[in-house]
Amino acid sequence: MEQGKDIRSADEAREDREFAAVLARSSQAEVPAGAMSRLMERIAAEPQESKVLAFPPQRPRRPILFRLATALPLAASLALGVYLGARGSLDFLLPSIVTGGVALNDESPDDLGGIGEADAYAEESLT
């Protein structure tokens, strides 16, 4: 980490030297007398257009009770779904892919991450 800091410091020092060399060759521009007053007169002479953005009116914020009344049925349906799914009494309504091997966890516990499939693929590609 210290070595990276030294390299970065050397690069920054080289860049600073190059920048100083470029600035040494430049000259200071002189502003003509009365330039600021002429600029202000020209700005004042130009037509001033107001650029106002019209924002649409904001909807009034709904009270907290409205948000709770919306969230309560959603939370209840989630809880009911978890309860009925855990009991297994409605399995006949669900497709077999959900209630079959996935629900029973027929996969070996060693291969939950798919490592066995990756090993099999690697072995096949070696031949």
Protein backbone atom coordinates (compact mmCIF):
# COMPACT_ATOMS: atom_id res chain seq x y z
CA MET A 1 0.00 0.00 0.00
CA GLU A 2 2.89 2.34 0.78
CA GLN A 3 4.43 1.54 -2.58
CA GLY A 4 1.22 2.59 -4.39
CA LYS A 5 1.21 5.82 -2.41
CA ASP A 6 4.82 6.53 -3.49
CA ILE A 7 3.99 5.94 -7.17
CA ARG A 8 0.96 8.20 -6.94
CA SER A 9 3.04 10.90 -5.22
CA ALA A 10 5.69 10.70 -7.95
CA ASP A 11 3.02 10.99 -10.66
CA GLU A 12 1.46 13.96 -8.92
CA ALA A 13 4.87 15.65 -8.53
CA ARG A 14 5.64 15.12 -12.24
CA GLU A 15 2.23 16.51 -13.19
CA ASP A 16 2.76 19.54 -10.94
CA ARG A 17 6.14 20.24 -12.60
CA GLU A 18 4.60 19.99 -16.08
CA PHE A 19 1.75 22.28 -15.10
CA ALA A 20 4.16 24.84 -13.63
CA ALA A 21 6.21 24.76 -16.85
CA VAL A 22 3.11 25.46 -18.96
CA LEU A 23 2.05 28.32 -16.68
CA ALA A 24 5.55 29.84 -16.80
CA ARG A 25 5.24 30.22 -20.59
CA SER A 26 1.84 31.88 -20.43
CA SER A 27 1.31 35.60 -20.16
CA GLN A 28 -1.12 37.55 -18.05
CA ALA A 29 -3.91 38.93 -20.20
CA GLU A 30 -4.60 42.59 -19.63
CA VAL A 31 -8.23 43.69 -19.39
CA PRO A 32 -8.92 46.83 -21.46
CA ALA A 33 -10.04 49.91 -19.56
CA GLY A 34 -13.81 50.15 -19.22
CA ALA A 35 -14.44 46.55 -20.30
CA MET A 36 -16.58 45.77 -17.27
CA SER A 37 -18.83 48.80 -17.74
CA ARG A 38 -19.28 48.00 -21.47
CA LEU A 39 -20.18 44.44 -20.62
CA MET A 40 -22.78 45.54 -18.08
CA GLU A 41 -24.28 48.04 -20.55
CA ARG A 42 -24.56 45.31 -23.19
CA ILE A 43 -26.24 42.95 -20.74
CA ALA A 44 -28.70 45.66 -19.74
CA ALA A 45 -29.47 46.41 -23.42
CA GLU A 46 -30.36 42.80 -24.23
CA PRO A 47 -34.01 41.82 -23.77
CA GLN A 48 -34.39 39.94 -20.52
CA GLU A 49 -36.56 36.87 -20.90
CA SER A 50 -37.81 35.26 -17.79
CA LYS A 51 -37.39 31.53 -17.89
CA VAL A 52 -39.83 30.26 -15.33
CA LEU A 53 -40.49 26.57 -15.09
CA ALA A 54 -44.05 25.66 -14.30
CA PHE A 55 -44.14 22.82 -11.82
CA PRO A 56 -47.29 20.73 -11.67
CA PRO A 57 -49.21 21.10 -8.43
CA GLN A 58 -48.27 18.53 -5.85
CA ARG A 59 -50.84 16.10 -4.63
CA PRO A 60 -51.75 16.60 -1.03
CA ARG A 61 -50.10 14.09 1.24
CA ARG A 62 -52.39 11.36 2.35
CA PRO A 63 -52.75 10.85 6.05
CA ILE A 64 -50.99 7.99 7.80
CA LEU A 65 -54.27 6.18 8.31
CA PHE A 66 -54.71 5.82 4.57
CA ARG A 67 -51.26 4.25 4.25
CA LEU A 68 -51.97 1.89 7.12
CA ALA A 69 -55.33 0.94 5.62
CA THR A 70 -53.52 0.07 2.41
CA ALA A 71 -50.69 -1.90 4.04
CA LEU A 72 -52.83 -3.89 6.47
CA PRO A 73 -54.56 -6.16 3.89
CA LEU A 74 -51.24 -6.79 2.18
CA ALA A 75 -49.59 -7.85 5.42
CA ALA A 76 -52.58 -10.03 6.31
CA SER A 77 -52.51 -11.79 2.94
CA LEU A 78 -48.80 -12.45 3.32
CA ALA A 79 -49.26 -13.91 6.79
CA LEU A 80 -52.20 -16.04 5.62
CA GLY A 81 -50.21 -17.31 2.64
CA VAL A 82 -47.28 -18.30 4.85
CA TYR A 83 -49.59 -20.05 7.31
CA LEU A 84 -51.53 -21.98 4.67
CA GLY A 85 -48.36 -22.85 2.81
CA ALA A 86 -46.77 -24.25 5.95
CA ARG A 87 -49.82 -26.36 6.79
CA GLY A 88 -49.96 -27.94 3.35
CA SER A 89 -53.75 -28.08 3.31
CA LEU A 90 -53.97 -26.26 -0.05
CA ASP A 91 -51.28 -28.23 -1.88
CA PHE A 92 -53.82 -29.75 -4.24
CA LEU A 93 -54.43 -26.28 -5.71
CA LEU A 94 -50.75 -25.67 -6.46
CA PRO A 95 -48.78 -27.11 -9.37
CA SER A 96 -46.59 -30.12 -8.66
CA ILE A 97 -43.40 -28.14 -9.32
CA VAL A 98 -44.08 -26.12 -6.18
CA THR A 99 -45.30 -28.95 -4.01
CA GLY A 100 -43.02 -31.66 -5.42
CA GLY A 101 -39.28 -32.06 -4.97
CA VAL A 102 -38.68 -28.38 -4.32
CA ALA A 103 -41.05 -28.31 -1.37
CA LEU A 104 -39.77 -31.61 -0.01
CA ASN A 105 -36.15 -30.53 -0.51
CA ASP A 106 -35.18 -33.72 -2.35
CA GLU A 107 -31.81 -32.28 -3.33
CA SER A 108 -28.86 -33.45 -1.33
CA PRO A 109 -27.87 -30.90 1.32
CA ASP A 110 -24.34 -30.84 -0.08
CA ASP A 111 -25.50 -29.46 -3.42
CA LEU A 112 -27.73 -26.55 -2.46
CA GLY A 113 -25.49 -24.04 -4.22
CA GLY A 114 -25.20 -26.00 -7.48
CA ILE A 115 -21.52 -26.87 -6.95
CA GLY A 116 -22.12 -30.47 -8.01
CA GLU A 117 -23.48 -29.34 -11.35
CA ALA A 118 -20.48 -27.06 -11.90
CA ASP A 119 -18.10 -29.96 -11.11
CA ALA A 120 -19.95 -32.25 -13.51
CA TYR A 121 -19.74 -29.61 -16.23
CA ALA A 122 -16.02 -29.11 -15.61
CA GLU A 123 -15.37 -32.86 -15.78
CA GLU A 124 -17.29 -33.19 -19.04
CA SER A 125 -15.39 -30.36 -20.68
CA LEU A 126 -11.98 -31.89 -19.83
CA THR A 127 -12.45 -34.90 -22.10
